[in-house]
N, C-alpha and C. Protein backbone atom coordinates (compact mmCIF):
# COMPACT_ATOMS: atom_id res chain seq x y z
N MET A 1 -31.38 -8.70 14.79
CA MET A 1 -30.47 -9.00 13.38
C MET A 1 -28.87 -8.72 13.26
N ARG A 2 -28.20 -9.96 12.80
CA ARG A 2 -27.15 -10.25 12.54
C ARG A 2 -26.98 -8.90 11.54
N THR A 3 -25.30 -8.63 11.66
CA THR A 3 -25.38 -7.77 10.39
C THR A 3 -23.46 -8.84 9.74
N LYS A 4 -23.02 -7.87 9.20
CA LYS A 4 -21.68 -8.54 8.27
C LYS A 4 -20.74 -7.75 9.44
N ASN A 5 -21.34 -6.70 9.55
CA ASN A 5 -19.82 -5.96 10.57
C ASN A 5 -20.36 -6.10 11.69
N GLY A 6 -21.42 -6.63 12.20
CA GLY A 6 -21.44 -6.84 13.76
C GLY A 6 -20.80 -7.99 13.86
N ASP A 7 -20.77 -8.93 12.63
CA ASP A 7 -20.08 -10.45 12.79
C ASP A 7 -18.48 -9.81 13.04
N ARG A 8 -18.17 -9.48 11.65
CA ARG A 8 -16.84 -8.35 12.34
C ARG A 8 -15.92 -7.95 13.53
N ILE A 9 -17.23 -7.25 14.36
CA ILE A 9 -16.88 -6.49 15.64
C ILE A 9 -16.86 -7.92 16.58
N TYR A 10 -17.30 -8.64 16.37
CA TYR A 10 -17.80 -9.85 17.31
C TYR A 10 -16.05 -10.76 17.07
N ASP A 11 -15.63 -10.62 16.01
CA ASP A 11 -14.48 -11.14 15.59
C ASP A 11 -13.35 -10.52 16.64
N ILE A 12 -13.17 -9.59 16.15
CA ILE A 12 -12.38 -8.39 17.35
C ILE A 12 -12.74 -8.95 18.51
N LEU A 13 -13.51 -8.27 19.21
CA LEU A 13 -14.04 -8.67 20.88
C LEU A 13 -13.42 -10.02 20.77
N ARG A 14 -13.28 -11.07 20.42
CA ARG A 14 -13.57 -12.60 20.75
C ARG A 14 -12.02 -12.85 21.19
N SER A 15 -11.70 -11.53 20.83
CA SER A 15 -10.01 -11.70 21.52
C SER A 15 -9.84 -10.72 22.60
N HIS A 16 -10.31 -10.25 22.99
CA HIS A 16 -10.53 -8.96 24.16
C HIS A 16 -11.02 -9.71 24.99
N ILE A 17 -10.57 -10.88 25.82
CA ILE A 17 -11.30 -11.45 27.19
C ILE A 17 -10.80 -10.95 28.45
N GLY A 18 -11.51 -10.52 29.50
CA GLY A 18 -11.14 -10.10 30.39
C GLY A 18 -11.24 -8.49 30.56
N LYS A 19 -11.36 -7.87 31.84
CA LYS A 19 -11.23 -6.37 31.62
C LYS A 19 -9.75 -5.94 31.52
N GLU A 20 -9.08 -6.23 31.78
CA GLU A 20 -7.79 -5.81 31.90
C GLU A 20 -7.29 -5.86 29.94
N ASN A 21 -8.24 -6.66 28.90
CA ASN A 21 -7.52 -6.44 27.48
C ASN A 21 -9.29 -5.50 26.59
N ALA A 22 -9.85 -5.09 27.95
CA ALA A 22 -10.74 -3.88 26.91
C ALA A 22 -10.01 -3.17 26.22
N ILE A 23 -11.03 -2.94 24.99
CA ILE A 23 -10.35 -2.32 23.49
C ILE A 23 -11.68 -1.75 23.54
N SER A 24 -11.46 -0.27 22.93
CA SER A 24 -12.34 0.89 22.79
C SER A 24 -13.19 1.16 21.01
N ALA A 25 -14.14 1.85 21.58
CA ALA A 25 -14.87 2.14 20.31
C ALA A 25 -13.87 2.63 19.15
N PRO A 26 -13.31 3.75 19.66
CA PRO A 26 -12.14 4.18 18.60
C PRO A 26 -10.85 2.96 17.65
N ALA A 27 -10.79 2.47 18.69
CA ALA A 27 -9.79 1.21 18.11
C ALA A 27 -10.47 0.13 17.90
N ILE A 28 -11.51 0.06 17.94
CA ILE A 28 -12.60 -1.17 17.13
C ILE A 28 -12.22 -0.52 15.50
N ALA A 29 -13.14 0.62 15.54
CA ALA A 29 -13.10 1.34 14.24
C ALA A 29 -12.00 1.60 13.43
N GLN A 30 -11.08 1.63 14.16
CA GLN A 30 -9.75 1.21 13.18
C GLN A 30 -9.54 0.28 13.17
N ALA A 31 -9.60 -1.23 13.52
CA ALA A 31 -9.58 -2.66 12.99
C ALA A 31 -10.22 -2.46 12.52
N LEU A 32 -11.49 -2.19 12.42
CA LEU A 32 -12.00 -2.39 11.17
C LEU A 32 -11.52 -1.12 9.75
N ARG A 33 -10.62 -0.10 9.92
CA ARG A 33 -10.07 0.53 8.79
C ARG A 33 -11.15 1.29 8.46
N TRP A 34 -12.77 1.55 9.62
CA TRP A 34 -13.35 2.98 9.79
C TRP A 34 -12.28 4.27 10.01
N PRO A 35 -13.33 5.06 9.59
CA PRO A 35 -12.35 6.36 9.82
C PRO A 35 -13.38 6.60 11.58
N GLU A 36 -12.57 7.26 12.56
CA GLU A 36 -12.45 6.83 14.18
C GLU A 36 -13.55 7.73 14.13
N HIS A 37 -14.59 8.35 13.31
CA HIS A 37 -15.47 9.10 14.02
C HIS A 37 -16.93 8.11 13.74
N ARG A 38 -16.77 7.14 13.12
CA ARG A 38 -17.56 6.29 13.01
C ARG A 38 -17.56 4.75 14.13
N GLU A 39 -17.14 5.64 15.22
CA GLU A 39 -17.12 4.82 17.03
C GLU A 39 -18.53 4.56 17.72
N ARG A 40 -19.55 5.63 17.02
CA ARG A 40 -20.25 5.91 17.18
C ARG A 40 -21.87 4.45 16.82
N LYS A 41 -21.36 4.72 15.49
CA LYS A 41 -22.06 2.86 14.42
C LYS A 41 -21.64 1.75 15.51
N VAL A 42 -20.13 1.53 15.64
CA VAL A 42 -19.46 0.37 16.73
C VAL A 42 -20.34 0.36 17.55
N ARG A 43 -20.30 1.53 18.43
CA ARG A 43 -21.19 1.43 19.74
C ARG A 43 -22.87 0.45 19.49
N GLN A 44 -23.50 1.12 18.31
CA GLN A 44 -24.87 0.96 18.24
C GLN A 44 -24.74 -0.55 17.88
N ILE A 45 -24.04 -0.56 16.76
CA ILE A 45 -23.54 -2.54 16.77
C ILE A 45 -23.62 -2.88 18.21
N ILE A 46 -22.97 -3.06 18.69
CA ILE A 46 -22.41 -4.01 19.55
C ILE A 46 -23.55 -3.84 20.25
N ARG A 47 -24.41 -2.57 21.02
CA ARG A 47 -25.70 -2.44 21.62
C ARG A 47 -26.89 -3.26 21.17
N ASP A 48 -26.74 -3.49 19.55
CA ASP A 48 -27.78 -4.33 18.69
C ASP A 48 -27.49 -5.87 18.67
N GLU A 49 -26.46 -6.08 18.67
CA GLU A 49 -26.52 -7.51 18.24
C GLU A 49 -25.57 -8.36 19.23
N SER A 50 -25.40 -7.72 20.79
CA SER A 50 -24.88 -8.35 21.32
C SER A 50 -25.51 -9.38 21.91
N MET A 51 -26.99 -9.00 22.24
CA MET A 51 -27.58 -10.58 22.17
C MET A 51 -27.42 -11.73 21.75
N PHE A 52 -26.88 -11.80 20.00
CA PHE A 52 -26.83 -12.64 19.69
C PHE A 52 -25.80 -13.26 19.77
N TRP A 53 -24.21 -12.22 20.25
CA TRP A 53 -23.26 -13.16 20.62
C TRP A 53 -23.10 -13.56 21.84
N ALA A 54 -24.15 -13.79 22.84
CA ALA A 54 -24.08 -13.70 24.26
C ALA A 54 -24.81 -15.40 23.85
N ALA A 55 -25.61 -15.27 23.22
CA ALA A 55 -26.25 -16.75 23.05
C ALA A 55 -25.47 -18.04 22.05
N ASN A 56 -24.21 -17.08 21.58
CA ASN A 56 -23.21 -18.00 21.50
C ASN A 56 -22.06 -18.65 21.74
N GLY A 57 -22.56 -17.82 23.47
CA GLY A 57 -21.35 -17.86 24.86
C GLY A 57 -20.37 -16.74 24.54
N GLY A 58 -20.52 -15.59 24.28
CA GLY A 58 -19.60 -14.77 24.32
C GLY A 58 -20.27 -13.40 24.84
N LEU A 59 -20.76 -13.04 25.86
CA LEU A 59 -20.67 -12.13 26.54
C LEU A 59 -19.92 -10.63 26.67
N VAL A 60 -20.23 -9.65 26.05
CA VAL A 60 -19.47 -8.61 25.75
C VAL A 60 -19.65 -7.58 27.10
N CYS A 61 -19.27 -7.35 27.69
CA CYS A 61 -19.31 -6.55 29.00
C CYS A 61 -18.42 -4.88 28.75
N ALA A 62 -19.21 -3.86 29.10
CA ALA A 62 -18.03 -2.70 29.04
C ALA A 62 -17.94 -1.87 30.15
N ILE A 63 -16.47 -1.21 29.87
CA ILE A 63 -16.52 -0.70 31.28
C ILE A 63 -16.60 0.84 31.12
N PRO A 64 -16.78 2.12 31.00
CA PRO A 64 -17.01 3.09 30.53
C PRO A 64 -15.59 3.67 30.55
N GLY A 65 -15.02 4.53 29.40
CA GLY A 65 -14.09 5.03 29.75
C GLY A 65 -12.77 3.82 29.52
N SER A 66 -12.91 2.68 28.94
CA SER A 66 -11.95 1.64 28.64
C SER A 66 -12.29 1.19 27.34
N GLY A 67 -13.93 0.56 27.03
CA GLY A 67 -13.55 -0.03 26.01
C GLY A 67 -14.76 -1.48 26.62
N TYR A 68 -14.46 -2.40 25.74
CA TYR A 68 -15.52 -3.64 25.59
C TYR A 68 -14.69 -4.80 26.14
N PHE A 69 -15.12 -5.99 26.22
CA PHE A 69 -14.70 -6.77 26.23
C PHE A 69 -15.75 -8.17 26.95
N ILE A 70 -14.89 -9.46 26.54
CA ILE A 70 -15.79 -10.43 26.78
C ILE A 70 -15.38 -11.25 28.30
N ALA A 71 -16.65 -11.01 28.99
CA ALA A 71 -16.12 -10.97 30.87
C ALA A 71 -15.93 -13.04 30.63
N GLN A 72 -14.71 -13.10 31.57
CA GLN A 72 -14.11 -14.16 31.67
C GLN A 72 -14.27 -14.66 33.31
N SER A 73 -14.69 -13.65 33.89
CA SER A 73 -15.15 -14.00 35.80
C SER A 73 -16.53 -13.87 35.69
N PHE A 74 -16.73 -14.49 37.24
CA PHE A 74 -18.03 -13.96 37.63
C PHE A 74 -18.28 -12.33 38.36
N GLU A 75 -16.46 -12.10 38.64
CA GLU A 75 -16.40 -11.07 39.29
C GLU A 75 -17.09 -9.47 38.55
N GLU A 76 -16.79 -10.06 37.04
CA GLU A 76 -16.78 -9.28 36.03
C GLU A 76 -18.18 -9.14 35.41
N LEU A 77 -18.65 -10.27 35.69
CA LEU A 77 -20.14 -10.14 35.30
C LEU A 77 -20.90 -8.97 36.01
N ALA A 78 -20.56 -9.48 37.63
CA ALA A 78 -21.24 -9.06 38.53
C ALA A 78 -21.03 -7.49 38.65
N ALA A 79 -19.94 -7.01 38.10
CA ALA A 79 -19.73 -5.55 38.64
C ALA A 79 -20.21 -4.89 36.90
N TYR A 80 -20.23 -5.87 35.94
CA TYR A 80 -20.90 -5.30 34.58
C TYR A 80 -22.87 -5.33 35.07
N GLU A 81 -22.82 -6.25 35.39
CA GLU A 81 -24.39 -6.03 36.24
C GLU A 81 -25.04 -5.08 36.85
N SER A 82 -24.27 -4.68 38.05
CA SER A 82 -23.98 -3.46 39.08
C SER A 82 -24.10 -2.26 38.09
N TRP A 83 -23.33 -2.12 37.70
CA TRP A 83 -23.09 -1.04 36.75
C TRP A 83 -24.23 -0.83 35.64
N LEU A 84 -24.94 -1.80 34.90
CA LEU A 84 -26.63 -1.57 34.11
C LEU A 84 -27.34 -1.13 34.86
N THR A 85 -27.29 -1.58 36.13
CA THR A 85 -28.58 -1.62 37.40
C THR A 85 -28.70 -0.03 37.80
N GLU A 86 -27.15 0.36 37.96
CA GLU A 86 -26.86 1.93 38.21
C GLU A 86 -27.53 2.25 37.44
N GLY A 87 -27.15 2.34 36.08
CA GLY A 87 -27.81 3.29 35.10
C GLY A 87 -29.37 3.18 35.19
N ARG A 88 -30.21 2.21 35.04
CA ARG A 88 -30.67 1.49 34.49
C ARG A 88 -31.79 2.63 35.83
N ASP A 89 -31.39 2.64 37.30
CA ASP A 89 -31.96 3.14 38.30
C ASP A 89 -31.97 5.00 38.22
N SER A 90 -30.70 5.17 37.64
CA SER A 90 -30.41 6.88 37.22
C SER A 90 -31.51 7.00 36.53
N TYR A 91 -31.65 6.09 35.03
CA TYR A 91 -32.56 6.72 34.11
C TYR A 91 -33.90 7.04 34.55
N SER A 92 -34.02 6.04 35.64
CA SER A 92 -35.50 5.95 35.95
C SER A 92 -35.86 7.29 36.67
N GLN A 93 -34.65 7.69 37.50
CA GLN A 93 -34.64 8.93 38.30
C GLN A 93 -35.33 9.92 37.70
N ARG A 94 -34.34 9.98 36.02
CA ARG A 94 -34.48 10.98 35.54
C ARG A 94 -35.66 11.17 34.65
N ILE A 95 -36.34 10.17 34.48
CA ILE A 95 -37.59 10.16 33.76
C ILE A 95 -38.50 10.18 34.92
N ALA A 96 -38.89 9.97 35.87
CA ALA A 96 -39.74 11.11 36.80
C ALA A 96 -40.03 12.02 37.20
N ILE A 97 -38.02 12.87 36.96
CA ILE A 97 -38.22 14.38 36.92
C ILE A 97 -38.91 14.80 35.96
N VAL A 98 -38.42 13.94 34.31
CA VAL A 98 -39.03 15.30 33.50
C VAL A 98 -40.69 14.80 33.36
N ARG A 99 -41.16 13.64 33.56
CA ARG A 99 -42.40 13.58 34.02
C ARG A 99 -43.35 14.76 34.54
N LYS A 100 -42.47 14.60 35.89
CA LYS A 100 -43.50 15.52 36.72
C LYS A 100 -43.30 17.11 36.29
N TYR A 101 -42.04 17.35 35.68
CA TYR A 101 -41.49 18.80 35.03
C TYR A 101 -43.24 18.40 34.04
N CYS A 102 -43.47 18.28 33.26
CA CYS A 102 -44.00 18.20 32.56
C CYS A 102 -45.48 18.10 32.87
N ARG A 103 -46.07 17.36 33.77
CA ARG A 103 -47.04 17.15 34.44
C ARG A 103 -47.85 18.63 34.73
N ALA A 104 -46.35 19.59 35.33
CA ALA A 104 -46.45 20.58 36.35
C ALA A 104 -46.86 21.59 34.99
N ARG A 105 -46.40 21.52 33.61
CA ARG A 105 -46.71 22.28 32.98
C ARG A 105 -48.35 21.97 32.11
N GLY A 106 -48.49 20.90 32.97
CA GLY A 106 -49.35 20.42 31.55
C GLY A 106 -49.84 19.46 30.52
N PHE A 107 -48.56 19.09 30.75
CA PHE A 107 -48.74 17.70 29.48
C PHE A 107 -48.30 16.47 30.45
N ASN A 108 -49.09 15.24 29.65
CA ASN A 108 -48.85 14.39 30.09
C ASN A 108 -48.23 13.15 29.22
N LEU A 109 -46.90 12.33 29.75
CA LEU A 109 -46.09 11.86 28.55
C LEU A 109 -46.05 10.37 29.42
N SER A 110 -46.91 10.07 30.10
CA SER A 110 -46.73 8.75 30.81
C SER A 110 -47.35 7.42 29.70
N ASN A 111 -47.67 7.94 28.79
CA ASN A 111 -48.41 6.87 27.45
C ASN A 111 -47.25 6.91 26.16
N ARG A 112 -46.14 7.83 26.39
CA ARG A 112 -45.18 7.98 25.50
C ARG A 112 -45.92 8.74 24.73
N SER A 113 -46.68 9.94 25.19
CA SER A 113 -47.65 10.59 24.17
C SER A 113 -47.66 11.95 24.55
N LEU A 114 -47.25 13.07 23.48
CA LEU A 114 -47.53 14.07 24.20
C LEU A 114 -49.29 14.63 23.94
N THR A 115 -49.83 14.54 25.09
CA THR A 115 -51.26 14.62 25.29
C THR A 115 -51.09 16.47 26.47
N THR A 116 -52.32 17.13 26.20
CA THR A 116 -52.32 17.87 27.14
C THR A 116 -53.48 18.06 27.85
N ASN A 117 -53.49 18.19 29.29
CA ASN A 117 -54.18 18.09 30.48
C ASN A 117 -55.40 19.16 30.22
N ASN A 118 -56.47 19.33 29.95
CA ASN A 118 -57.05 20.69 30.01
C ASN A 118 -58.23 20.43 31.31
């Protein structure tokens, strides 16, 4: 669902084209005149609403440690997709470790519910 705050964030991001112009979540919060501790809310809104922005022509990418930007080249899109894929693979490995750990202790998390194996 699009929100007024999301639209405000997207308005800021539209002027940050290309990774060299990335803007951090704290800087976005500051541009909105929000307290710096609201940077987590900025990240959440970007995560939740970026699919709407992409549908309107602006794919928001992220660089860990640098910030957010709208991709301007294939190379930026490819690098972002690669970073997302690496993150997915890393999480998949972590999930497997957690499930193995729980199974060894008699718990089954495979259905997202905690059940005891008797």
